[in-house]
Amino acid sequence: MCKVKALQTAPEFTESPFWQDYSETDNGTYYDGLTIISTDRHFVTRTKHTDLFDLVADNAYEADEATEDFRTYKSAYYAPYCRNYTEYITQTFRPKKKLSTRNIHRLKELFSTIAEAYHPEYETDAIAEVMTIITGEKYEAGTLRGYCQGDEVQIIYKADEWNKEAIESLEAEFWNGGREYYITTEEDPEGYCMYFTEWDDDEIKKTIAAETGTTPEEVELI
């Protein structure tokens, strides 16, 4: 006997939870801590960004310039504020722990890479490494690919918060490539919506059954 009915929403009316819960900056959502960078021809958009990403991206050019300043002009510009490059990095980026000499040299290389790029914000690998060094937490860069040519955005995320499966689900949600069902039960005829990024009907039935306290055999996909 069917106790649960799941009516699939037409694709043109399907609403991804990412865009339902979307916030450009962190605002207490499941997607906090993510940075998403998209390009439209010659323009780069911070579709979603964090204060940490902004700090690194917006100061990369100055951080690269400071390297040359301390080396060539002996702090001609930064002398009133910092005695050396390490002090400049500390004051500007507020690392969570004392940085080693190796860290400082690596930051110089990374800031040079970011500053010299045509679109510095799109140097997500380098920015993610800078974020890792100054926080002591592992950040990684990746790509969310859609279903048409040109459907591609770059992301930066905390490695311990986003595994491979979570990234794949995020990819489907970002491009709204999942399926949405309107769920009604005998106890709840008013119903509610559930969004799925997987396409296997049996797995969807199992999820709905677990949500409604029934068995997969009692769930009908319509």
N, C-alpha and C. Protein backbone atom coordinates (compact mmCIF):
# COMPACT_ATOMS: atom_id res chain seq x y z
N MET A 1 0.84 -1.20 0.00
CA MET A 1 0.00 0.00 0.00
C MET A 1 0.88 1.25 0.00
N CYS A 2 0.55 2.19 -0.89
CA CYS A 2 1.32 3.43 -0.97
C CYS A 2 0.91 4.40 0.14
N LYS A 3 1.84 4.76 0.98
CA LYS A 3 1.57 5.71 2.06
C LYS A 3 2.17 7.08 1.79
N VAL A 4 3.13 7.12 0.86
CA VAL A 4 3.81 8.38 0.55
C VAL A 4 3.79 8.60 -0.95
N LYS A 5 3.38 9.78 -1.37
CA LYS A 5 3.41 10.14 -2.77
C LYS A 5 4.42 11.26 -2.98
N ALA A 6 5.27 11.09 -4.00
CA ALA A 6 6.30 12.08 -4.30
C ALA A 6 6.11 12.54 -5.75
N LEU A 7 5.59 13.73 -5.90
CA LEU A 7 5.31 14.28 -7.22
C LEU A 7 6.50 15.13 -7.66
N GLN A 8 7.11 14.75 -8.79
CA GLN A 8 8.27 15.50 -9.25
C GLN A 8 7.86 16.86 -9.81
N THR A 9 8.59 17.89 -9.38
CA THR A 9 8.37 19.24 -9.88
C THR A 9 8.94 19.36 -11.28
N ALA A 10 8.27 20.06 -12.15
CA ALA A 10 8.78 20.29 -13.50
C ALA A 10 10.13 21.00 -13.43
N PRO A 11 11.07 20.61 -14.26
CA PRO A 11 12.43 21.20 -14.20
C PRO A 11 12.46 22.72 -14.18
N GLU A 12 11.57 23.35 -14.96
CA GLU A 12 11.59 24.82 -15.02
C GLU A 12 11.13 25.47 -13.72
N PHE A 13 10.50 24.69 -12.83
CA PHE A 13 10.05 25.23 -11.55
C PHE A 13 10.85 24.69 -10.36
N THR A 14 11.83 23.85 -10.65
CA THR A 14 12.66 23.27 -9.59
C THR A 14 13.56 24.33 -8.98
N GLU A 15 13.59 24.39 -7.66
CA GLU A 15 14.40 25.38 -6.95
C GLU A 15 15.49 24.69 -6.15
N SER A 16 16.72 24.99 -6.48
CA SER A 16 17.86 24.41 -5.76
C SER A 16 17.95 25.00 -4.36
N PRO A 17 18.29 24.18 -3.36
CA PRO A 17 18.45 24.72 -2.00
C PRO A 17 19.59 25.74 -1.91
N PHE A 18 20.58 25.62 -2.81
CA PHE A 18 21.67 26.61 -2.78
C PHE A 18 21.14 28.01 -3.02
N TRP A 19 20.32 28.16 -4.05
CA TRP A 19 19.82 29.49 -4.39
C TRP A 19 18.68 29.93 -3.48
N GLN A 20 17.98 28.97 -2.88
CA GLN A 20 16.96 29.33 -1.89
C GLN A 20 17.62 29.92 -0.65
N ASP A 21 18.80 29.39 -0.31
CA ASP A 21 19.51 29.77 0.91
C ASP A 21 20.71 30.66 0.59
N TYR A 22 20.72 31.22 -0.61
CA TYR A 22 21.91 31.94 -1.09
C TYR A 22 22.20 33.21 -0.30
N SER A 23 23.45 33.37 0.03
CA SER A 23 23.93 34.61 0.64
C SER A 23 25.31 34.89 0.06
N GLU A 24 25.51 36.10 -0.48
CA GLU A 24 26.78 36.43 -1.13
C GLU A 24 27.94 36.31 -0.15
N THR A 25 27.72 36.75 1.07
CA THR A 25 28.73 36.60 2.11
C THR A 25 28.17 35.68 3.19
N ASP A 26 28.99 35.29 4.14
CA ASP A 26 28.53 34.35 5.17
C ASP A 26 27.40 34.96 5.99
N ASN A 27 26.37 34.17 6.17
CA ASN A 27 25.20 34.69 6.88
C ASN A 27 24.47 33.58 7.61
N GLY A 28 25.22 32.66 8.21
CA GLY A 28 24.59 31.62 9.00
C GLY A 28 23.92 30.54 8.18
N THR A 29 24.43 30.27 6.97
CA THR A 29 23.85 29.24 6.12
C THR A 29 24.77 28.03 6.06
N TYR A 30 24.24 26.94 5.50
CA TYR A 30 25.03 25.72 5.34
C TYR A 30 26.22 25.95 4.43
N TYR A 31 26.14 26.97 3.60
CA TYR A 31 27.18 27.21 2.61
C TYR A 31 28.21 28.24 3.07
N ASP A 32 28.19 28.60 4.35
CA ASP A 32 29.18 29.54 4.87
C ASP A 32 30.59 28.97 4.71
N GLY A 33 31.54 29.87 4.50
CA GLY A 33 32.93 29.46 4.35
C GLY A 33 33.32 29.15 2.92
N LEU A 34 32.34 29.13 2.02
CA LEU A 34 32.62 28.87 0.61
C LEU A 34 32.96 30.16 -0.12
N THR A 35 33.86 30.05 -1.09
CA THR A 35 34.10 31.14 -2.02
C THR A 35 33.83 30.59 -3.42
N ILE A 36 33.05 31.31 -4.20
CA ILE A 36 32.72 30.90 -5.56
C ILE A 36 33.00 32.07 -6.49
N ILE A 37 33.88 31.84 -7.45
CA ILE A 37 34.30 32.88 -8.38
C ILE A 37 33.85 32.50 -9.79
N SER A 38 33.09 33.37 -10.44
CA SER A 38 32.63 33.09 -11.80
C SER A 38 33.14 34.17 -12.75
N THR A 39 33.25 33.83 -14.02
CA THR A 39 33.70 34.78 -15.03
C THR A 39 32.66 34.88 -16.13
N ASP A 40 32.50 36.08 -16.65
CA ASP A 40 31.63 36.32 -17.79
C ASP A 40 32.45 37.13 -18.77
N ARG A 41 33.06 36.42 -19.72
CA ARG A 41 33.99 37.03 -20.67
C ARG A 41 35.14 37.67 -19.91
N HIS A 42 35.18 39.01 -19.86
CA HIS A 42 36.31 39.69 -19.25
C HIS A 42 36.03 40.13 -17.81
N PHE A 43 34.90 39.72 -17.27
CA PHE A 43 34.53 40.17 -15.93
C PHE A 43 34.59 39.00 -14.94
N VAL A 44 35.06 39.29 -13.76
CA VAL A 44 35.12 38.30 -12.69
C VAL A 44 34.15 38.72 -11.60
N THR A 45 33.34 37.77 -11.13
CA THR A 45 32.35 38.06 -10.10
C THR A 45 32.57 37.19 -8.88
N ARG A 46 32.59 37.80 -7.72
CA ARG A 46 32.66 37.05 -6.47
C ARG A 46 31.22 36.63 -6.13
N THR A 47 30.80 35.53 -6.75
CA THR A 47 29.42 35.07 -6.57
C THR A 47 29.13 34.83 -5.10
N LYS A 48 30.07 34.21 -4.41
CA LYS A 48 30.00 34.05 -2.96
C LYS A 48 31.42 34.19 -2.44
N HIS A 49 31.58 34.93 -1.36
CA HIS A 49 32.95 35.14 -0.87
C HIS A 49 32.96 35.33 0.64
N THR A 50 34.13 35.13 1.19
CA THR A 50 34.32 35.25 2.64
C THR A 50 35.24 36.42 2.94
N ASP A 51 35.25 36.87 4.17
CA ASP A 51 36.14 37.96 4.58
C ASP A 51 37.59 37.56 4.36
N LEU A 52 37.90 36.29 4.60
CA LEU A 52 39.27 35.82 4.45
C LEU A 52 39.71 35.89 2.98
N PHE A 53 38.84 35.44 2.08
CA PHE A 53 39.17 35.54 0.66
C PHE A 53 39.37 36.99 0.26
N ASP A 54 38.49 37.87 0.70
CA ASP A 54 38.60 39.29 0.36
C ASP A 54 39.92 39.86 0.87
N LEU A 55 40.30 39.49 2.08
CA LEU A 55 41.55 39.98 2.67
C LEU A 55 42.75 39.62 1.80
N VAL A 56 42.78 38.36 1.36
CA VAL A 56 43.91 37.90 0.54
C VAL A 56 43.87 38.50 -0.86
N ALA A 57 42.73 38.40 -1.52
CA ALA A 57 42.63 38.89 -2.91
C ALA A 57 42.83 40.39 -3.00
N ASP A 58 42.30 41.14 -2.06
CA ASP A 58 42.35 42.60 -2.13
C ASP A 58 43.71 43.16 -1.73
N ASN A 59 44.52 42.37 -1.05
CA ASN A 59 45.83 42.86 -0.61
C ASN A 59 46.99 42.17 -1.32
N ALA A 60 46.70 41.31 -2.28
CA ALA A 60 47.76 40.55 -2.95
C ALA A 60 48.73 41.46 -3.70
N TYR A 61 48.20 42.45 -4.40
CA TYR A 61 49.08 43.34 -5.17
C TYR A 61 49.99 44.13 -4.23
N GLU A 62 49.43 44.66 -3.16
CA GLU A 62 50.24 45.40 -2.20
C GLU A 62 51.29 44.50 -1.55
N ALA A 63 50.90 43.26 -1.22
CA ALA A 63 51.84 42.32 -0.59
C ALA A 63 53.00 42.00 -1.53
N ASP A 64 52.72 41.89 -2.82
CA ASP A 64 53.78 41.66 -3.79
C ASP A 64 54.66 42.89 -3.93
N GLU A 65 54.05 44.05 -3.95
CA GLU A 65 54.80 45.30 -4.07
C GLU A 65 55.69 45.52 -2.84
N ALA A 66 55.21 45.11 -1.68
CA ALA A 66 55.98 45.28 -0.45
C ALA A 66 57.26 44.46 -0.49
N THR A 67 57.24 43.32 -1.15
CA THR A 67 58.45 42.49 -1.27
C THR A 67 59.57 43.29 -1.90
N GLU A 68 59.26 43.93 -3.02
CA GLU A 68 60.26 44.74 -3.72
C GLU A 68 60.66 45.96 -2.91
N ASP A 69 59.70 46.53 -2.23
CA ASP A 69 59.96 47.73 -1.45
C ASP A 69 60.97 47.46 -0.34
N PHE A 70 60.76 46.39 0.40
CA PHE A 70 61.68 46.07 1.49
C PHE A 70 63.06 45.69 0.96
N ARG A 71 63.08 45.01 -0.20
CA ARG A 71 64.36 44.56 -0.73
C ARG A 71 65.16 45.69 -1.38
N THR A 72 64.49 46.53 -2.16
CA THR A 72 65.20 47.54 -2.95
C THR A 72 65.30 48.88 -2.26
N TYR A 73 64.20 49.29 -1.64
CA TYR A 73 64.18 50.63 -1.06
C TYR A 73 64.29 50.62 0.46
N LYS A 74 64.49 49.45 0.99
CA LYS A 74 64.67 49.31 2.44
C LYS A 74 63.54 49.99 3.22
N SER A 75 62.36 49.58 2.87
CA SER A 75 61.17 50.04 3.58
C SER A 75 60.87 51.52 3.37
N ALA A 76 61.17 52.04 2.19
CA ALA A 76 60.92 53.45 1.92
C ALA A 76 59.46 53.82 2.15
N TYR A 77 58.56 52.95 1.73
CA TYR A 77 57.13 53.24 1.88
C TYR A 77 56.57 52.68 3.19
N TYR A 78 56.99 51.46 3.52
CA TYR A 78 56.39 50.78 4.67
C TYR A 78 57.16 51.00 5.98
N ALA A 79 58.30 51.66 5.92
CA ALA A 79 59.14 51.85 7.11
C ALA A 79 58.40 52.47 8.30
N PRO A 80 57.52 53.44 8.06
CA PRO A 80 56.83 54.02 9.22
C PRO A 80 55.93 53.02 9.96
N TYR A 81 55.59 51.91 9.28
CA TYR A 81 54.63 50.97 9.84
C TYR A 81 55.24 49.63 10.21
N CYS A 82 56.20 49.16 9.42
CA CYS A 82 56.76 47.82 9.61
C CYS A 82 58.27 47.85 9.45
N ARG A 83 58.94 47.03 10.23
CA ARG A 83 60.40 46.96 10.14
C ARG A 83 60.87 46.04 9.04
N ASN A 84 60.06 45.06 8.70
CA ASN A 84 60.45 44.09 7.67
C ASN A 84 59.20 43.45 7.08
N TYR A 85 59.41 42.57 6.11
CA TYR A 85 58.29 41.95 5.40
C TYR A 85 57.47 41.05 6.32
N THR A 86 58.13 40.34 7.22
CA THR A 86 57.41 39.46 8.14
C THR A 86 56.45 40.26 9.01
N GLU A 87 56.90 41.42 9.47
CA GLU A 87 56.04 42.27 10.29
C GLU A 87 54.87 42.81 9.46
N TYR A 88 55.15 43.12 8.20
CA TYR A 88 54.08 43.59 7.31
C TYR A 88 53.02 42.50 7.14
N ILE A 89 53.44 41.27 6.87
CA ILE A 89 52.51 40.16 6.71
C ILE A 89 51.70 39.96 7.98
N THR A 90 52.35 40.02 9.12
CA THR A 90 51.68 39.81 10.40
C THR A 90 50.62 40.87 10.65
N GLN A 91 50.95 42.12 10.38
CA GLN A 91 50.00 43.21 10.63
C GLN A 91 48.84 43.20 9.63
N THR A 92 49.12 42.81 8.40
CA THR A 92 48.09 42.87 7.37
C THR A 92 47.15 41.67 7.42
N PHE A 93 47.71 40.47 7.61
CA PHE A 93 46.91 39.25 7.48
C PHE A 93 46.60 38.56 8.80
N ARG A 94 47.20 39.00 9.89
CA ARG A 94 46.91 38.47 11.22
C ARG A 94 46.91 36.94 11.25
N PRO A 95 48.02 36.30 10.91
CA PRO A 95 48.06 34.82 10.93
C PRO A 95 47.75 34.29 12.32
N LYS A 96 47.17 33.09 12.36
CA LYS A 96 46.76 32.50 13.64
C LYS A 96 47.94 31.97 14.45
N LYS A 97 49.07 31.79 13.80
CA LYS A 97 50.26 31.35 14.53
C LYS A 97 51.49 32.00 13.90
N LYS A 98 52.59 31.96 14.59
CA LYS A 98 53.82 32.56 14.08
C LYS A 98 54.26 31.83 12.81
N LEU A 99 54.57 32.59 11.78
CA LEU A 99 54.95 32.01 10.50
C LEU A 99 56.45 31.75 10.45
N SER A 100 56.80 30.62 9.87
CA SER A 100 58.21 30.28 9.72
C SER A 100 58.82 31.05 8.55
N THR A 101 60.13 31.02 8.47
CA THR A 101 60.82 31.66 7.35
C THR A 101 60.39 31.03 6.04
N ARG A 102 60.20 29.71 6.04
CA ARG A 102 59.72 29.03 4.83
C ARG A 102 58.33 29.53 4.44
N ASN A 103 57.46 29.73 5.44
CA ASN A 103 56.12 30.27 5.16
C ASN A 103 56.20 31.64 4.49
N ILE A 104 57.07 32.49 5.02
CA ILE A 104 57.20 33.85 4.49
C ILE A 104 57.68 33.83 3.06
N HIS A 105 58.68 33.01 2.77
CA HIS A 105 59.19 32.91 1.39
C HIS A 105 58.11 32.37 0.45
N ARG A 106 57.34 31.41 0.93
CA ARG A 106 56.28 30.85 0.09
C ARG A 106 55.19 31.89 -0.16
N LEU A 107 54.87 32.71 0.84
CA LEU A 107 53.87 33.76 0.65
C LEU A 107 54.33 34.77 -0.39
N LYS A 108 55.62 35.08 -0.39
CA LYS A 108 56.14 36.00 -1.41
C LYS A 108 55.90 35.44 -2.81
N GLU A 109 56.15 34.15 -2.99
CA GLU A 109 55.94 33.52 -4.29
C GLU A 109 54.46 33.53 -4.67
N LEU A 110 53.61 33.21 -3.71
CA LEU A 110 52.18 33.14 -4.00
C LEU A 110 51.60 34.51 -4.31
N PHE A 111 51.98 35.52 -3.55
CA PHE A 111 51.47 36.86 -3.82
C PHE A 111 51.94 37.37 -5.17
N SER A 112 53.13 36.99 -5.56
CA SER A 112 53.63 37.35 -6.89
C SER A 112 52.77 36.72 -7.97
N THR A 113 52.43 35.45 -7.80
CA THR A 113 51.58 34.74 -8.77
C THR A 113 50.21 35.40 -8.87
N ILE A 114 49.62 35.72 -7.72
CA ILE A 114 48.29 36.32 -7.71
C ILE A 114 48.31 37.70 -8.34
N ALA A 115 49.29 38.52 -7.94
CA ALA A 115 49.36 39.91 -8.41
C ALA A 115 49.62 40.02 -9.90
N GLU A 116 50.35 39.06 -10.46
CA GLU A 116 50.73 39.14 -11.87
C GLU A 116 49.65 38.57 -12.79
N ALA A 117 48.63 37.93 -12.23
CA ALA A 117 47.59 37.32 -13.05
C ALA A 117 46.69 38.39 -13.68
N TYR A 118 46.17 38.06 -14.86
CA TYR A 118 45.25 38.99 -15.55
C TYR A 118 44.00 39.20 -14.70
N HIS A 119 43.50 38.13 -14.12
CA HIS A 119 42.40 38.19 -13.17
C HIS A 119 42.90 37.59 -11.85
N PRO A 120 43.47 38.39 -10.95
CA PRO A 120 44.02 37.85 -9.70
C PRO A 120 43.06 36.97 -8.91
N GLU A 121 41.77 37.34 -8.92
CA GLU A 121 40.79 36.57 -8.15
C GLU A 121 40.64 35.15 -8.66
N TYR A 122 41.01 34.94 -9.92
CA TYR A 122 40.84 33.61 -10.50
C TYR A 122 42.01 32.68 -10.19
N GLU A 123 43.02 33.21 -9.49
CA GLU A 123 44.15 32.37 -9.06
C GLU A 123 43.77 31.65 -7.77
N THR A 124 42.74 30.82 -7.87
CA THR A 124 42.18 30.22 -6.66
C THR A 124 43.12 29.24 -5.98
N ASP A 125 43.95 28.53 -6.75
CA ASP A 125 44.90 27.61 -6.13
C ASP A 125 45.87 28.37 -5.24
N ALA A 126 46.41 29.47 -5.75
CA ALA A 126 47.37 30.27 -4.99
C ALA A 126 46.69 30.93 -3.79
N ILE A 127 45.50 31.46 -3.99
CA ILE A 127 44.79 32.11 -2.89
C ILE A 127 44.45 31.10 -1.79
N ALA A 128 44.03 29.89 -2.20
CA ALA A 128 43.71 28.85 -1.22
C ALA A 128 44.94 28.49 -0.39
N GLU A 129 46.11 28.45 -1.03
CA GLU A 129 47.34 28.13 -0.29
C GLU A 129 47.69 29.25 0.69
N VAL A 130 47.50 30.50 0.28
CA VAL A 130 47.74 31.62 1.19
C VAL A 130 46.81 31.51 2.40
N MET A 131 45.53 31.23 2.15
CA MET A 131 44.56 31.10 3.22
C MET A 131 44.95 29.97 4.17
N THR A 132 45.50 28.89 3.63
CA THR A 132 45.96 27.77 4.44
C THR A 132 47.11 28.18 5.35
N ILE A 133 48.07 28.91 4.79
CA ILE A 133 49.25 29.31 5.55
C ILE A 133 48.88 30.26 6.69
N ILE A 134 48.02 31.22 6.42
CA ILE A 134 47.76 32.23 7.46
C ILE A 134 46.75 31.77 8.50
N THR A 135 45.99 30.71 8.20
CA THR A 135 45.02 30.22 9.19
C THR A 135 45.46 28.92 9.86
N GLY A 136 46.33 28.15 9.19
CA GLY A 136 46.69 26.84 9.70
C GLY A 136 45.63 25.80 9.43
N GLU A 137 44.56 26.16 8.69
CA GLU A 137 43.51 25.25 8.29
C GLU A 137 43.62 24.98 6.79
N LYS A 138 43.33 23.75 6.39
CA LYS A 138 43.53 23.36 5.00
C LYS A 138 42.40 23.86 4.11
N TYR A 139 42.77 24.73 3.16
CA TYR A 139 41.83 25.19 2.13
C TYR A 139 42.24 24.60 0.79
N GLU A 140 41.26 24.25 -0.01
CA GLU A 140 41.52 23.70 -1.33
C GLU A 140 40.68 24.43 -2.37
N ALA A 141 41.16 24.41 -3.60
CA ALA A 141 40.44 25.03 -4.71
C ALA A 141 39.90 23.94 -5.61
N GLY A 142 38.81 24.22 -6.28
CA GLY A 142 38.22 23.25 -7.19
C GLY A 142 37.36 23.95 -8.23
N THR A 143 36.61 23.16 -8.98
CA THR A 143 35.78 23.69 -10.06
C THR A 143 34.40 23.04 -10.01
N LEU A 144 33.37 23.84 -10.20
CA LEU A 144 32.01 23.34 -10.35
C LEU A 144 31.63 23.47 -11.82
N ARG A 145 31.41 22.34 -12.48
CA ARG A 145 31.11 22.35 -13.91
C ARG A 145 29.63 22.06 -14.14
N GLY A 146 29.03 22.81 -15.05
CA GLY A 146 27.63 22.64 -15.37
C GLY A 146 27.42 21.73 -16.55
N TYR A 147 26.39 21.98 -17.30
CA TYR A 147 25.96 21.06 -18.35
C TYR A 147 26.09 21.66 -19.75
N CYS A 148 26.49 22.91 -19.84
CA CYS A 148 26.66 23.57 -21.14
C CYS A 148 28.09 24.11 -21.23
N GLN A 149 28.52 24.38 -22.43
CA GLN A 149 29.84 24.95 -22.61
C GLN A 149 29.91 26.31 -21.91
N GLY A 150 30.93 26.50 -21.13
CA GLY A 150 31.06 27.74 -20.39
C GLY A 150 30.49 27.69 -18.99
N ASP A 151 29.78 26.61 -18.65
CA ASP A 151 29.26 26.45 -17.29
C ASP A 151 30.40 26.00 -16.38
N GLU A 152 31.08 26.95 -15.78
CA GLU A 152 32.21 26.60 -14.93
C GLU A 152 32.50 27.76 -13.98
N VAL A 153 32.62 27.44 -12.69
CA VAL A 153 33.02 28.42 -11.69
C VAL A 153 34.11 27.79 -10.82
N GLN A 154 34.94 28.65 -10.22
CA GLN A 154 36.01 28.20 -9.34
C GLN A 154 35.55 28.34 -7.89
N ILE A 155 35.96 27.40 -7.05
CA ILE A 155 35.57 27.46 -5.65
C ILE A 155 36.79 27.28 -4.74
N ILE A 156 36.67 27.80 -3.54
CA ILE A 156 37.64 27.56 -2.47
C ILE A 156 36.84 27.12 -1.25
N TYR A 157 37.29 26.06 -0.61
CA TYR A 157 36.54 25.49 0.51
C TYR A 157 37.49 24.89 1.53
N LYS A 158 36.98 24.70 2.75
CA LYS A 158 37.76 24.03 3.79
C LYS A 158 37.75 22.53 3.52
N ALA A 159 38.92 21.93 3.47
CA ALA A 159 39.03 20.52 3.10
C ALA A 159 38.34 19.61 4.11
N ASP A 160 38.32 19.99 5.39
CA ASP A 160 37.73 19.11 6.40
C ASP A 160 36.21 19.26 6.49
N GLU A 161 35.63 20.19 5.73
CA GLU A 161 34.19 20.40 5.77
C GLU A 161 33.50 19.94 4.49
N TRP A 162 34.27 19.76 3.43
CA TRP A 162 33.69 19.40 2.14
C TRP A 162 34.45 18.23 1.53
N ASN A 163 33.84 17.04 1.55
CA ASN A 163 34.47 15.89 0.92
C ASN A 163 34.02 15.80 -0.55
N LYS A 164 34.47 14.78 -1.24
CA LYS A 164 34.18 14.63 -2.67
C LYS A 164 32.68 14.57 -2.95
N GLU A 165 31.95 13.80 -2.13
CA GLU A 165 30.52 13.66 -2.33
C GLU A 165 29.79 14.99 -2.10
N ALA A 166 30.24 15.74 -1.09
CA ALA A 166 29.61 17.03 -0.80
C ALA A 166 29.85 18.02 -1.94
N ILE A 167 31.04 18.00 -2.50
CA ILE A 167 31.35 18.89 -3.63
C ILE A 167 30.50 18.52 -4.83
N GLU A 168 30.32 17.23 -5.09
CA GLU A 168 29.49 16.79 -6.21
C GLU A 168 28.04 17.25 -6.03
N SER A 169 27.54 17.17 -4.79
CA SER A 169 26.19 17.64 -4.52
C SER A 169 26.09 19.14 -4.71
N LEU A 170 27.10 19.87 -4.23
CA LEU A 170 27.13 21.32 -4.39
C LEU A 170 27.12 21.69 -5.87
N GLU A 171 27.87 20.94 -6.67
CA GLU A 171 27.92 21.19 -8.11
C GLU A 171 26.53 21.09 -8.73
N ALA A 172 25.80 20.03 -8.37
CA ALA A 172 24.44 19.85 -8.89
C ALA A 172 23.51 20.95 -8.39
N GLU A 173 23.67 21.34 -7.13
CA GLU A 173 22.81 22.38 -6.58
C GLU A 173 23.09 23.74 -7.23
N PHE A 174 24.38 24.03 -7.43
CA PHE A 174 24.74 25.34 -7.99
C PHE A 174 24.14 25.53 -9.38
N TRP A 175 24.22 24.47 -10.20
CA TRP A 175 23.69 24.55 -11.56
C TRP A 175 22.23 24.08 -11.62
N ASN A 176 21.65 23.82 -10.46
CA ASN A 176 20.26 23.35 -10.36
C ASN A 176 20.03 22.12 -11.25
N GLY A 177 20.90 21.15 -11.09
CA GLY A 177 20.80 19.94 -11.90
C GLY A 177 20.16 18.77 -11.18
N GLY A 178 19.56 19.03 -10.02
CA GLY A 178 18.93 17.95 -9.27
C GLY A 178 17.45 17.83 -9.58
N ARG A 179 16.77 17.03 -8.78
CA ARG A 179 15.33 16.82 -8.93
C ARG A 179 14.63 17.22 -7.63
N GLU A 180 13.46 17.81 -7.77
CA GLU A 180 12.67 18.22 -6.61
C GLU A 180 11.35 17.47 -6.61
N TYR A 181 10.97 16.98 -5.42
CA TYR A 181 9.71 16.25 -5.28
C TYR A 181 8.84 16.92 -4.22
N TYR A 182 7.53 16.93 -4.49
CA TYR A 182 6.57 17.41 -3.51
C TYR A 182 6.02 16.19 -2.77
N ILE A 183 6.31 16.10 -1.47
CA ILE A 183 6.02 14.90 -0.67
C ILE A 183 4.72 15.09 0.11
N THR A 184 3.81 14.14 -0.03
CA THR A 184 2.60 14.12 0.80
C THR A 184 2.45 12.74 1.43
N THR A 185 1.94 12.72 2.65
CA THR A 185 1.71 11.47 3.35
C THR A 185 0.30 11.47 3.91
N GLU A 186 -0.11 10.32 4.44
CA GLU A 186 -1.44 10.23 5.05
C GLU A 186 -1.55 11.18 6.23
N GLU A 187 -0.46 11.34 6.97
CA GLU A 187 -0.47 12.22 8.15
C GLU A 187 -0.27 13.68 7.77
N ASP A 188 0.35 13.93 6.60
CA ASP A 188 0.66 15.30 6.19
C ASP A 188 0.23 15.52 4.75
N PRO A 189 -1.07 15.66 4.53
CA PRO A 189 -1.57 15.85 3.16
C PRO A 189 -1.18 17.19 2.55
N GLU A 190 -0.79 18.15 3.42
CA GLU A 190 -0.36 19.46 2.90
C GLU A 190 0.97 19.34 2.15
N GLY A 191 1.85 18.53 2.69
CA GLY A 191 3.09 18.22 2.00
C GLY A 191 4.21 19.25 2.10
N TYR A 192 5.34 18.88 1.56
CA TYR A 192 6.53 19.74 1.55
C TYR A 192 7.46 19.25 0.44
N CYS A 193 8.47 20.04 0.13
CA CYS A 193 9.38 19.72 -0.98
C CYS A 193 10.71 19.15 -0.48
N MET A 194 11.27 18.24 -1.25
CA MET A 194 12.61 17.72 -1.00
C MET A 194 13.39 17.76 -2.31
N TYR A 195 14.66 18.12 -2.20
CA TYR A 195 15.53 18.27 -3.38
C TYR A 195 16.59 17.18 -3.36
N PHE A 196 16.84 16.56 -4.50
CA PHE A 196 17.80 15.46 -4.58
C PHE A 196 18.83 15.73 -5.68
N THR A 197 20.09 15.49 -5.35
CA THR A 197 21.14 15.66 -6.35
C THR A 197 21.50 14.33 -7.00
N GLU A 198 21.02 13.21 -6.43
CA GLU A 198 21.23 11.92 -7.08
C GLU A 198 20.05 11.63 -8.01
N TRP A 199 20.26 10.71 -8.96
CA TRP A 199 19.22 10.42 -9.95
C TRP A 199 18.70 8.99 -9.88
N ASP A 200 19.18 8.23 -8.93
CA ASP A 200 18.74 6.84 -8.79
C ASP A 200 17.41 6.80 -8.03
N ASP A 201 16.36 6.29 -8.68
CA ASP A 201 15.03 6.27 -8.06
C ASP A 201 15.00 5.49 -6.76
N ASP A 202 15.71 4.37 -6.71
CA ASP A 202 15.71 3.55 -5.50
C ASP A 202 16.33 4.31 -4.32
N GLU A 203 17.42 5.03 -4.60
CA GLU A 203 18.06 5.81 -3.53
C GLU A 203 17.16 6.95 -3.07
N ILE A 204 16.45 7.56 -4.01
CA ILE A 204 15.53 8.63 -3.66
C ILE A 204 14.40 8.10 -2.78
N LYS A 205 13.88 6.93 -3.13
CA LYS A 205 12.82 6.31 -2.33
C LYS A 205 13.32 6.01 -0.92
N LYS A 206 14.55 5.52 -0.81
CA LYS A 206 15.12 5.21 0.51
C LYS A 206 15.21 6.47 1.36
N THR A 207 15.64 7.58 0.75
CA THR A 207 15.77 8.84 1.48
C THR A 207 14.41 9.35 1.94
N ILE A 208 13.43 9.29 1.05
CA ILE A 208 12.09 9.75 1.41
C ILE A 208 11.49 8.86 2.51
N ALA A 209 11.72 7.56 2.39
CA ALA A 209 11.21 6.63 3.41
C ALA A 209 11.81 6.93 4.78
N ALA A 210 13.11 7.20 4.81
CA ALA A 210 13.76 7.51 6.07
C ALA A 210 13.23 8.82 6.65
N GLU A 211 12.92 9.76 5.77
CA GLU A 211 12.40 11.07 6.21
C GLU A 211 10.98 10.93 6.75
N THR A 212 10.18 10.07 6.15
CA THR A 212 8.76 9.96 6.51
C THR A 212 8.44 8.81 7.45
N GLY A 213 9.46 8.01 7.80
CA GLY A 213 9.23 6.89 8.71
C GLY A 213 8.46 5.76 8.07
N THR A 214 8.69 5.55 6.78
CA THR A 214 8.01 4.46 6.07
C THR A 214 9.07 3.57 5.45
N THR A 215 8.66 2.72 4.53
CA THR A 215 9.62 1.87 3.80
C THR A 215 9.65 2.29 2.35
N PRO A 216 10.73 1.99 1.62
CA PRO A 216 10.80 2.38 0.20
C PRO A 216 9.64 1.85 -0.63
N GLU A 217 9.13 0.68 -0.23
CA GLU A 217 8.01 0.09 -0.96
C GLU A 217 6.73 0.90 -0.81
N GLU A 218 6.67 1.71 0.23
CA GLU A 218 5.48 2.51 0.47
C GLU A 218 5.57 3.91 -0.17
N VAL A 219 6.65 4.15 -0.88
CA VAL A 219 6.86 5.45 -1.53
C VAL A 219 6.61 5.32 -3.03
N GLU A 220 5.77 6.19 -3.54
CA GLU A 220 5.48 6.19 -4.98
C GLU A 220 6.01 7.48 -5.60
N LEU A 221 6.90 7.34 -6.59
CA LEU A 221 7.41 8.50 -7.32
C LEU A 221 6.47 8.74 -8.51
N ILE A 222 6.02 9.96 -8.63
CA ILE A 222 5.05 10.29 -9.69
C ILE A 222 5.66 11.29 -10.66
